[in-house]
Amino acid sequence: MAHLITVDDPDDPRLHDYTDLTDVELRRRREPAEGLFIAEGEKVIRRSRDAGYEMRSMLLSAKWVDTMRDVIEATPAPVYEVSPALAERVTGYHVHRGALASMRRKPLPTVAEVLRTARRVAVMEAVNDHTNIGAIFRSAAALGMDAVLLSPDCADPLYRRSVKVSMGAVFSVPYARLDGCPRALDTVREAGFRLLALTPDERASVIDEAAPHRLERVALMLGAEGEGLSARALSAADEWVRIPMAHGVDSLNVGAAAAVAFYAVTAGRPEA
């Protein structure tokens, strides 16, 4: 069982994992290099633990100790009790949810391992906004996508903002990094997937007419907010698909577009 440790010094080295959480560039470098990520809030902490991530430590304000008592009693990791003011000085922001945990990352699976049992896959190219990444993972989990593949320049799904927006869904959808995009898309095609590129281009097929839910294996390609998929990614696709728009709207936010497209890909899909 963990020991509850009261800390009143914001410079205490034991709180190092939680320092400067609002410095995005610093955290993007530090967290993967140090093999950690931050889970924020009771539900996310529980979901990360239930997904098999090992806890390094936990940072709690006093009013959350009783709520998290079962988690505290089940972990050998240290649990630091701090005042809300001290938590804010350490992290750089007001910790509204009152509970943070530093979790140990797992090695990522390979693309081949992720594809082995998948039939519906999202492929993201240069989606570098953490909020969008979290929203897409939440939709992928909710709508039955089997896996996510990320180009090297996509944002980190385990960054605090991504995890928070996804409500922990990043822990339930397998994902891997697709190095060498878009040439690496050949690996996906060779695994039996038809590559559908989501684009607002009028030359694209309406996604319902393309009937992706009837295909045996589908990889749905999504690009960054605003720019969309690169010309190279579009040329690598087997087919372009679009969501029909009304009232003169030309496109949707990538998170919203992903949710609509995921439903079109998974609704009524053939049973395995």
C-alpha atoms as a PDB file:
ATOM      1  CA  MET A   1       0.000   0.000   0.000  1.00  0.00           C
ATOM      2  CA  ALA A   2       1.191   3.507  -0.801  1.00  0.00           C
ATOM      3  CA  HIS A   3       2.159   5.940   1.912  1.00  0.00           C
ATOM      4  CA  LEU A   4       0.356   9.280   1.954  1.00  0.00           C
ATOM      5  CA  ILE A   5       3.047  11.946   2.077  1.00  0.00           C
ATOM      6  CA  THR A   6       2.278  15.595   2.832  1.00  0.00           C
ATOM      7  CA  VAL A   7       4.436  17.972   0.787  1.00  0.00           C
ATOM      8  CA  ASP A   8       4.572  21.736   1.382  1.00  0.00           C
ATOM      9  CA  ASP A   9       7.571  22.739  -0.738  1.00  0.00           C
ATOM     10  CA  PRO A  10       6.871  23.361  -4.451  1.00  0.00           C
ATOM     11  CA  ASP A  11      10.553  22.731  -5.206  1.00  0.00           C
ATOM     12  CA  ASP A  12      10.506  19.262  -3.644  1.00  0.00           C
ATOM     13  CA  PRO A  13      12.257  17.029  -6.227  1.00  0.00           C
ATOM     14  CA  ARG A  14       9.702  14.293  -5.625  1.00  0.00           C
ATOM     15  CA  LEU A  15       7.175  16.449  -7.500  1.00  0.00           C
ATOM     16  CA  HIS A  16       9.361  16.679 -10.607  1.00  0.00           C
ATOM     17  CA  ASP A  17       6.920  14.712 -12.801  1.00  0.00           C
ATOM     18  CA  TYR A  18       4.273  17.400 -12.273  1.00  0.00           C
ATOM     19  CA  THR A  19       6.293  20.544 -12.902  1.00  0.00           C
ATOM     20  CA  ASP A  20       5.430  22.981 -15.703  1.00  0.00           C
ATOM     21  CA  LEU A  21       2.456  21.056 -17.080  1.00  0.00           C
ATOM     22  CA  THR A  22       1.346  24.098 -19.088  1.00  0.00           C
ATOM     23  CA  ASP A  23       4.627  24.277 -21.037  1.00  0.00           C
ATOM     24  CA  VAL A  24       3.504  22.238 -24.032  1.00  0.00           C
ATOM     25  CA  GLU A  25       6.819  22.092 -25.869  1.00  0.00           C
ATOM     26  CA  LEU A  26       8.717  21.117 -22.744  1.00  0.00           C
ATOM     27  CA  ARG A  27       6.223  18.402 -21.818  1.00  0.00           C
ATOM     28  CA  ARG A  28       6.150  17.039 -25.385  1.00  0.00           C
ATOM     29  CA  ARG A  29       9.893  16.465 -25.142  1.00  0.00           C
ATOM     30  CA  ARG A  30      10.085  15.404 -21.507  1.00  0.00           C
ATOM     31  CA  GLU A  31       7.283  12.925 -21.171  1.00  0.00           C
ATOM     32  CA  PRO A  32       8.229  10.432 -23.916  1.00  0.00           C
ATOM     33  CA  ALA A  33      11.925  10.806 -23.032  1.00  0.00           C
ATOM     34  CA  GLU A  34      11.237  10.068 -19.359  1.00  0.00           C
ATOM     35  CA  GLY A  35       8.696   7.349 -20.127  1.00  0.00           C
ATOM     36  CA  LEU A  36       5.749   8.964 -18.377  1.00  0.00           C
ATOM     37  CA  PHE A  37       2.421  10.659 -18.982  1.00  0.00           C
ATOM     38  CA  ILE A  38       0.038  12.552 -16.731  1.00  0.00           C
ATOM     39  CA  ALA A  39      -3.494  11.339 -16.012  1.00  0.00           C
ATOM     40  CA  GLU A  40      -5.822  14.056 -14.710  1.00  0.00           C
ATOM     41  CA  GLY A  41      -9.018  13.497 -12.769  1.00  0.00           C
ATOM     42  CA  GLU A  42     -10.482  10.516 -10.951  1.00  0.00           C
ATOM     43  CA  LYS A  43     -12.030   8.801 -13.987  1.00  0.00           C
ATOM     44  CA  VAL A  44      -8.941   9.120 -16.156  1.00  0.00           C
ATOM     45  CA  ILE A  45      -6.642   7.900 -13.392  1.00  0.00           C
ATOM     46  CA  ARG A  46      -8.840   4.862 -12.831  1.00  0.00           C
ATOM     47  CA  ARG A  47      -9.081   4.124 -16.552  1.00  0.00           C
ATOM     48  CA  SER A  48      -5.322   4.348 -17.050  1.00  0.00           C
ATOM     49  CA  ARG A  49      -4.765   1.990 -14.124  1.00  0.00           C
ATOM     50  CA  ASP A  50      -7.431  -0.417 -15.385  1.00  0.00           C
ATOM     51  CA  ALA A  51      -5.740  -0.380 -18.808  1.00  0.00           C
ATOM     52  CA  GLY A  52      -2.599  -1.751 -17.184  1.00  0.00           C
ATOM     53  CA  TYR A  53      -0.460   1.376 -16.897  1.00  0.00           C
ATOM     54  CA  GLU A  54       1.816   1.394 -13.871  1.00  0.00           C
ATOM     55  CA  MET A  55       1.549   4.364 -11.528  1.00  0.00           C
ATOM     56  CA  ARG A  56       4.756   6.235 -10.693  1.00  0.00           C
ATOM     57  CA  SER A  57       3.114   8.570  -8.177  1.00  0.00           C
ATOM     58  CA  MET A  58      -0.058  10.503  -7.438  1.00  0.00           C
ATOM     59  CA  LEU A  59      -0.624  14.160  -6.521  1.00  0.00           C
ATOM     60  CA  LEU A  60      -3.814  14.899  -4.575  1.00  0.00           C
ATOM     61  CA  SER A  61      -5.443  17.801  -2.802  1.00  0.00           C
ATOM     62  CA  ALA A  62      -6.813  16.883   0.616  1.00  0.00           C
ATOM     63  CA  LYS A  63     -10.468  16.691  -0.389  1.00  0.00           C
ATOM     64  CA  TRP A  64      -9.687  13.952  -2.932  1.00  0.00           C
ATOM     65  CA  VAL A  65      -7.938  11.600  -0.533  1.00  0.00           C
ATOM     66  CA  ASP A  66     -11.109   9.831   0.593  1.00  0.00           C
ATOM     67  CA  THR A  67     -12.462   9.599  -2.986  1.00  0.00           C
ATOM     68  CA  MET A  68      -9.225   7.983  -4.156  1.00  0.00           C
ATOM     69  CA  ARG A  69      -8.729   5.863  -1.031  1.00  0.00           C
ATOM     70  CA  ASP A  70      -9.144   2.529  -2.845  1.00  0.00           C
ATOM     71  CA  VAL A  71      -6.613   3.583  -5.493  1.00  0.00           C
ATOM     72  CA  ILE A  72      -4.184   4.740  -2.801  1.00  0.00           C
ATOM     73  CA  GLU A  73      -4.507   1.445  -0.951  1.00  0.00           C
ATOM     74  CA  ALA A  74      -3.969  -0.593  -4.122  1.00  0.00           C
ATOM     75  CA  THR A  75      -0.778   1.089  -5.318  1.00  0.00           C
ATOM     76  CA  PRO A  76       2.770   0.841  -3.989  1.00  0.00           C
ATOM     77  CA  ALA A  77       3.587   4.207  -5.605  1.00  0.00           C
ATOM     78  CA  PRO A  78       4.000   7.297  -3.405  1.00  0.00           C
ATOM     79  CA  VAL A  79       0.966   9.572  -3.036  1.00  0.00           C
ATOM     80  CA  TYR A  80       1.679  13.244  -2.375  1.00  0.00           C
ATOM     81  CA  GLU A  81      -0.951  15.322  -0.591  1.00  0.00           C
ATOM     82  CA  VAL A  82      -0.636  19.036  -1.352  1.00  0.00           C
ATOM     83  CA  SER A  83      -2.696  22.183  -0.961  1.00  0.00           C
ATOM     84  CA  PRO A  84      -4.492  23.548  -4.057  1.00  0.00           C
ATOM     85  CA  ALA A  85      -2.184  26.576  -3.981  1.00  0.00           C
ATOM     86  CA  LEU A  86       0.941  24.436  -3.977  1.00  0.00           C
ATOM     87  CA  ALA A  87      -0.434  22.233  -6.770  1.00  0.00           C
ATOM     88  CA  GLU A  88      -0.944  25.366  -8.847  1.00  0.00           C
ATOM     89  CA  ARG A  89       2.600  26.584  -8.193  1.00  0.00           C
ATOM     90  CA  VAL A  90       4.044  23.206  -9.232  1.00  0.00           C
ATOM     91  CA  THR A  91       1.904  22.547 -12.305  1.00  0.00           C
ATOM     92  CA  GLY A  92       1.378  26.099 -13.523  1.00  0.00           C
ATOM     93  CA  TYR A  93      -2.427  26.017 -13.464  1.00  0.00           C
ATOM     94  CA  HIS A  94      -5.350  25.518 -11.097  1.00  0.00           C
ATOM     95  CA  VAL A  95      -5.887  21.758 -10.873  1.00  0.00           C
ATOM     96  CA  HIS A  96      -9.682  21.812 -10.994  1.00  0.00           C
ATOM     97  CA  ARG A  97     -10.095  18.053 -10.686  1.00  0.00           C
ATOM     98  CA  GLY A  98      -7.792  17.900  -7.667  1.00  0.00           C
ATOM     99  CA  ALA A  99      -6.089  14.654  -8.659  1.00  0.00           C
ATOM    100  CA  LEU A 100      -3.119  13.940 -10.913  1.00  0.00           C
ATOM    101  CA  ALA A 101      -1.144  10.769 -11.453  1.00  0.00           C
ATOM    102  CA  SER A 102       2.148  10.168 -13.185  1.00  0.00           C
ATOM    103  CA  MET A 103       1.870   6.929 -15.136  1.00  0.00           C
ATOM    104  CA  ARG A 104       4.572   4.841 -16.803  1.00  0.00           C
ATOM    105  CA  ARG A 105       4.279   4.497 -20.582  1.00  0.00           C
ATOM    106  CA  LYS A 106       4.180   1.107 -22.272  1.00  0.00           C
ATOM    107  CA  PRO A 107       6.198   0.253 -25.381  1.00  0.00           C
ATOM    108  CA  LEU A 108       4.101   0.950 -28.478  1.00  0.00           C
ATOM    109  CA  PRO A 109       3.097  -2.049 -30.605  1.00  0.00           C
ATOM    110  CA  THR A 110       4.272  -2.264 -34.184  1.00  0.00           C
ATOM    111  CA  VAL A 111       1.996  -1.445 -37.103  1.00  0.00           C
ATOM    112  CA  ALA A 112       1.891  -5.134 -38.016  1.00  0.00           C
ATOM    113  CA  GLU A 113       0.794  -6.072 -34.490  1.00  0.00           C
ATOM    114  CA  VAL A 114      -1.985  -3.470 -34.506  1.00  0.00           C
ATOM    115  CA  LEU A 115      -3.258  -4.512 -37.945  1.00  0.00           C
ATOM    116  CA  ARG A 116      -3.194  -8.245 -37.276  1.00  0.00           C
ATOM    117  CA  THR A 117      -6.679  -8.399 -35.751  1.00  0.00           C
ATOM    118  CA  ALA A 118      -8.105  -5.055 -36.953  1.00  0.00           C
ATOM    119  CA  ARG A 119     -10.707  -4.450 -39.646  1.00  0.00           C
ATOM    120  CA  ARG A 120     -11.497  -0.754 -39.196  1.00  0.00           C
ATOM    121  CA  VAL A 121      -8.491   1.555 -38.825  1.00  0.00           C
ATOM    122  CA  ALA A 122      -8.055   5.326 -38.681  1.00  0.00           C
ATOM    123  CA  VAL A 123      -4.858   6.706 -40.226  1.00  0.00           C
ATOM    124  CA  MET A 124      -3.953  10.236 -39.134  1.00  0.00           C
ATOM    125  CA  GLU A 125      -1.464  12.429 -40.977  1.00  0.00           C
ATOM    126  CA  ALA A 126       0.003  15.500 -39.235  1.00  0.00           C
ATOM    127  CA  VAL A 127      -2.904  15.920 -36.809  1.00  0.00           C
ATOM    128  CA  ASN A 128      -0.844  17.895 -34.321  1.00  0.00           C
ATOM    129  CA  ASP A 129      -3.521  19.442 -32.108  1.00  0.00           C
ATOM    130  CA  HIS A 130      -3.895  17.590 -28.808  1.00  0.00           C
ATOM    131  CA  THR A 131      -7.575  18.450 -28.463  1.00  0.00           C
ATOM    132  CA  ASN A 132      -8.328  17.003 -31.897  1.00  0.00           C
ATOM    133  CA  ILE A 133      -6.319  13.882 -31.138  1.00  0.00           C
ATOM    134  CA  GLY A 134      -8.285  13.338 -27.927  1.00  0.00           C
ATOM    135  CA  ALA A 135     -11.633  13.918 -29.656  1.00  0.00           C
ATOM    136  CA  ILE A 136     -10.752  11.526 -32.476  1.00  0.00           C
ATOM    137  CA  PHE A 137      -9.723   8.774 -30.065  1.00  0.00           C
ATOM    138  CA  ARG A 138     -12.943   9.225 -28.109  1.00  0.00           C
ATOM    139  CA  SER A 139     -14.993   8.860 -31.298  1.00  0.00           C
ATOM    140  CA  ALA A 140     -12.872   5.914 -32.440  1.00  0.00           C
ATOM    141  CA  ALA A 141     -13.583   4.090 -29.180  1.00  0.00           C
ATOM    142  CA  ALA A 142     -17.266   4.984 -29.083  1.00  0.00           C
ATOM    143  CA  LEU A 143     -17.975   4.072 -32.710  1.00  0.00           C
ATOM    144  CA  GLY A 144     -16.060   0.819 -32.857  1.00  0.00           C
ATOM    145  CA  MET A 145     -12.855   1.588 -34.723  1.00  0.00           C
ATOM    146  CA  ASP A 146     -10.301  -1.134 -34.053  1.00  0.00           C
ATOM    147  CA  ALA A 147      -7.066   0.846 -34.134  1.00  0.00           C
ATOM    148  CA  VAL A 148      -5.378   4.154 -34.958  1.00  0.00           C
ATOM    149  CA  LEU A 149      -2.189   4.692 -36.920  1.00  0.00           C
ATOM    150  CA  LEU A 150      -0.343   7.995 -36.476  1.00  0.00           C
ATOM    151  CA  SER A 151       2.211   9.651 -38.727  1.00  0.00           C
ATOM    152  CA  PRO A 152       5.369  10.690 -36.840  1.00  0.00           C
ATOM    153  CA  ASP A 153       4.272  14.358 -36.770  1.00  0.00           C
ATOM    154  CA  CYS A 154       0.912  13.685 -35.093  1.00  0.00           C
ATOM    155  CA  ALA A 155       0.403  14.885 -31.526  1.00  0.00           C
ATOM    156  CA  ASP A 156       0.991  12.536 -28.608  1.00  0.00           C
ATOM    157  CA  PRO A 157      -2.199  10.676 -27.589  1.00  0.00           C
ATOM    158  CA  LEU A 158      -0.839  10.399 -24.040  1.00  0.00           C
ATOM    159  CA  TYR A 159      -0.260  14.126 -23.602  1.00  0.00           C
ATOM    160  CA  ARG A 160      -2.401  15.388 -20.708  1.00  0.00           C
ATOM    161  CA  ARG A 161      -4.798  17.403 -22.896  1.00  0.00           C
ATOM    162  CA  SER A 162      -5.331  14.500 -25.318  1.00  0.00           C
ATOM    163  CA  VAL A 163      -6.028  12.065 -22.492  1.00  0.00           C
ATOM    164  CA  LYS A 164      -8.401  14.508 -20.785  1.00  0.00           C
ATOM    165  CA  VAL A 165     -10.426  15.297 -23.939  1.00  0.00           C
ATOM    166  CA  SER A 166     -10.669  11.601 -24.816  1.00  0.00           C
ATOM    167  CA  MET A 167     -11.913  10.829 -21.272  1.00  0.00           C
ATOM    168  CA  GLY A 168      -9.368   8.005 -21.200  1.00  0.00           C
ATOM    169  CA  ALA A 169     -10.415   6.497 -24.544  1.00  0.00           C
ATOM    170  CA  VAL A 170      -6.765   6.652 -25.640  1.00  0.00           C
ATOM    171  CA  PHE A 171      -6.249   3.704 -23.305  1.00  0.00           C
ATOM    172  CA  SER A 172      -8.827   1.495 -25.017  1.00  0.00           C
ATOM    173  CA  VAL A 173      -7.955   1.933 -28.723  1.00  0.00           C
ATOM    174  CA  PRO A 174      -4.675   0.319 -29.852  1.00  0.00           C
ATOM    175  CA  TYR A 175      -2.389   2.654 -31.785  1.00  0.00           C
ATOM    176  CA  ALA A 176       1.012   2.675 -33.446  1.00  0.00           C
ATOM    177  CA  ARG A 177       3.289   5.129 -35.220  1.00  0.00           C
ATOM    178  CA  LEU A 178       3.344   4.775 -38.994  1.00  0.00           C
ATOM    179  CA  ASP A 179       6.904   5.796 -39.830  1.00  0.00           C
ATOM    180  CA  GLY A 180       7.764   6.803 -43.369  1.00  0.00           C
ATOM    181  CA  CYS A 181       4.298   8.126 -44.261  1.00  0.00           C
ATOM    182  CA  PRO A 182       2.897   8.079 -46.894  1.00  0.00           C
ATOM    183  CA  ARG A 183       5.080   5.274 -48.333  1.00  0.00           C
ATOM    184  CA  ALA A 184       4.289   3.232 -45.238  1.00  0.00           C
ATOM    185  CA  LEU A 185       0.660   3.158 -46.369  1.00  0.00           C
ATOM    186  CA  ASP A 186       1.716   0.312 -48.661  1.00  0.00           C
ATOM    187  CA  THR A 187       2.096  -1.779 -45.491  1.00  0.00           C
ATOM    188  CA  VAL A 188      -1.517  -1.084 -44.619  1.00  0.00           C
ATOM    189  CA  ARG A 189      -2.709  -1.958 -48.132  1.00  0.00           C
ATOM    190  CA  GLU A 190      -0.652  -5.161 -48.158  1.00  0.00           C
ATOM    191  CA  ALA A 191      -2.419  -6.165 -44.929  1.00  0.00           C
ATOM    192  CA  GLY A 192      -5.673  -6.218 -46.896  1.00  0.00           C
ATOM    193  CA  PHE A 193      -7.034  -2.728 -46.175  1.00  0.00           C
ATOM    194  CA  ARG A 194      -8.652  -0.427 -48.710  1.00  0.00           C
ATOM    195  CA  LEU A 195      -7.349   3.099 -48.166  1.00  0.00           C
ATOM    196  CA  LEU A 196     -10.074   5.761 -48.154  1.00  0.00           C
ATOM    197  CA  ALA A 197      -8.885   9.376 -48.010  1.00  0.00           C
ATOM    198  CA  LEU A 198     -11.334  11.781 -46.374  1.00  0.00           C
ATOM    199  CA  THR A 199     -11.349  15.093 -48.260  1.00  0.00           C
ATOM    200  CA  PRO A 200     -13.847  17.872 -49.021  1.00  0.00           C
ATOM    201  CA  ASP A 201     -12.783  17.768 -52.697  1.00  0.00           C
ATOM    202  CA  GLU A 202     -15.867  17.661 -54.944  1.00  0.00           C
ATOM    203  CA  ARG A 203     -14.217  14.950 -57.045  1.00  0.00           C
ATOM    204  CA  ALA A 204     -14.426  12.560 -54.093  1.00  0.00           C
ATOM    205  CA  SER A 205     -17.187   9.986 -53.770  1.00  0.00           C
ATOM    206  CA  VAL A 206     -19.875  10.637 -51.175  1.00  0.00           C
ATOM    207  CA  ILE A 207     -18.883   8.399 -48.282  1.00  0.00           C
ATOM    208  CA  ASP A 208     -22.270   6.626 -48.138  1.00  0.00           C
ATOM    209  CA  GLU A 209     -22.033   5.798 -51.824  1.00  0.00           C
ATOM    210  CA  ALA A 210     -18.574   4.347 -51.287  1.00  0.00           C
ATOM    211  CA  ALA A 211     -20.245   2.033 -48.730  1.00  0.00           C
ATOM    212  CA  PRO A 212     -17.143   1.489 -46.562  1.00  0.00           C
ATOM    213  CA  HIS A 213     -19.197  -0.430 -43.987  1.00  0.00           C
ATOM    214  CA  ARG A 214     -19.545  -3.230 -46.538  1.00  0.00           C
ATOM    215  CA  LEU A 215     -15.818  -3.599 -47.101  1.00  0.00           C
ATOM    216  CA  GLU A 216     -13.892  -6.341 -45.344  1.00  0.00           C
ATOM    217  CA  ARG A 217     -11.057  -4.056 -44.198  1.00  0.00           C
ATOM    218  CA  VAL A 218     -10.980  -0.258 -44.319  1.00  0.00           C
ATOM    219  CA  ALA A 219      -8.311   2.292 -43.422  1.00  0.00           C
ATOM    220  CA  LEU A 220      -9.803   5.790 -43.209  1.00  0.00           C
ATOM    221  CA  MET A 221      -7.210   8.521 -43.750  1.00  0.00           C
ATOM    222  CA  LEU A 222      -7.591  11.897 -41.997  1.00  0.00           C
ATOM    223  CA  GLY A 223      -5.450  15.011 -42.330  1.00  0.00           C
ATOM    224  CA  ALA A 224      -4.640  18.016 -40.202  1.00  0.00           C
ATOM    225  CA  GLU A 225      -7.102  20.761 -39.368  1.00  0.00           C
ATOM    226  CA  GLY A 226      -7.359  23.215 -42.258  1.00  0.00           C
ATOM    227  CA  GLU A 227      -4.745  21.700 -44.559  1.00  0.00           C
ATOM    228  CA  GLY A 228      -6.204  18.217 -44.788  1.00  0.00           C
ATOM    229  CA  LEU A 229      -4.294  15.303 -46.250  1.00  0.00           C
ATOM    230  CA  SER A 230      -1.117  16.034 -48.188  1.00  0.00           C
ATOM    231  CA  ALA A 231      -1.023  15.580 -51.951  1.00  0.00           C
ATOM    232  CA  ARG A 232       1.235  12.567 -51.451  1.00  0.00           C
ATOM    233  CA  ALA A 233      -1.210  10.935 -49.032  1.00  0.00           C
ATOM    234  CA  LEU A 234      -4.127  11.604 -51.367  1.00  0.00           C
ATOM    235  CA  SER A 235      -2.248  10.058 -54.277  1.00  0.00           C
ATOM    236  CA  ALA A 236      -1.526   6.969 -52.168  1.00  0.00           C
ATOM    237  CA  ALA A 237      -5.219   6.362 -51.413  1.00  0.00           C
ATOM    238  CA  ASP A 238      -7.356   3.798 -53.222  1.00  0.00           C
ATOM    239  CA  GLU A 239     -10.347   6.145 -53.201  1.00  0.00           C
ATOM    240  CA  TRP A 240     -11.260   9.657 -52.086  1.00  0.00           C
ATOM    241  CA  VAL A 241     -14.427  10.043 -49.994  1.00  0.00           C
ATOM    242  CA  ARG A 242     -16.257  13.106 -48.700  1.00  0.00           C
ATOM    243  CA  ILE A 243     -19.012  14.013 -46.280  1.00  0.00           C
ATOM    244  CA  PRO A 244     -21.705  15.982 -48.172  1.00  0.00           C
ATOM    245  CA  MET A 245     -22.117  19.534 -46.841  1.00  0.00           C
ATOM    246  CA  ALA A 246     -25.151  21.855 -46.777  1.00  0.00           C
ATOM    247  CA  HIS A 247     -25.801  25.603 -46.348  1.00  0.00           C
ATOM    248  CA  GLY A 248     -22.549  26.554 -48.044  1.00  0.00           C
ATOM    249  CA  VAL A 249     -20.345  24.990 -45.351  1.00  0.00           C
ATOM    250  CA  ASP A 250     -17.199  23.666 -47.017  1.00  0.00           C
ATOM    251  CA  SER A 251     -15.899  21.319 -44.303  1.00  0.00           C
ATOM    252  CA  LEU A 252     -16.060  20.180 -40.679  1.00  0.00           C
ATOM    253  CA  ASN A 253     -13.538  20.330 -37.882  1.00  0.00           C
ATOM    254  CA  VAL A 254     -11.382  17.207 -38.169  1.00  0.00           C
ATOM    255  CA  GLY A 255     -12.731  15.862 -34.871  1.00  0.00           C
ATOM    256  CA  ALA A 256     -16.342  16.220 -36.031  1.00  0.00           C
ATOM    257  CA  ALA A 257     -15.526  14.860 -39.494  1.00  0.00           C
ATOM    258  CA  ALA A 258     -13.821  11.846 -37.935  1.00  0.00           C
ATOM    259  CA  ALA A 259     -16.916  11.006 -35.871  1.00  0.00           C
ATOM    260  CA  VAL A 260     -19.208  11.172 -38.922  1.00  0.00           C
ATOM    261  CA  ALA A 261     -16.802   9.131 -41.043  1.00  0.00           C
ATOM    262  CA  PHE A 262     -16.217   6.535 -38.332  1.00  0.00           C
ATOM    263  CA  TYR A 263     -19.946   5.911 -38.142  1.00  0.00           C
ATOM    264  CA  ALA A 264     -20.126   5.511 -41.921  1.00  0.00           C
ATOM    265  CA  VAL A 265     -17.244   3.045 -41.788  1.00  0.00           C
ATOM    266  CA  THR A 266     -18.528   0.951 -38.892  1.00  0.00           C
ATOM    267  CA  ALA A 267     -22.372   1.084 -39.018  1.00  0.00           C
ATOM    268  CA  GLY A 268     -23.815  -2.280 -39.948  1.00  0.00           C
ATOM    269  CA  ARG A 269     -20.396  -3.680 -40.772  1.00  0.00           C
ATOM    270  CA  PRO A 270     -20.213  -7.412 -41.517  1.00  0.00           C
ATOM    271  CA  GLU A 271     -19.651  -9.620 -38.526  1.00  0.00           C
ATOM    272  CA  ALA A 272     -16.166 -11.051 -38.048  1.00  0.00           C
END
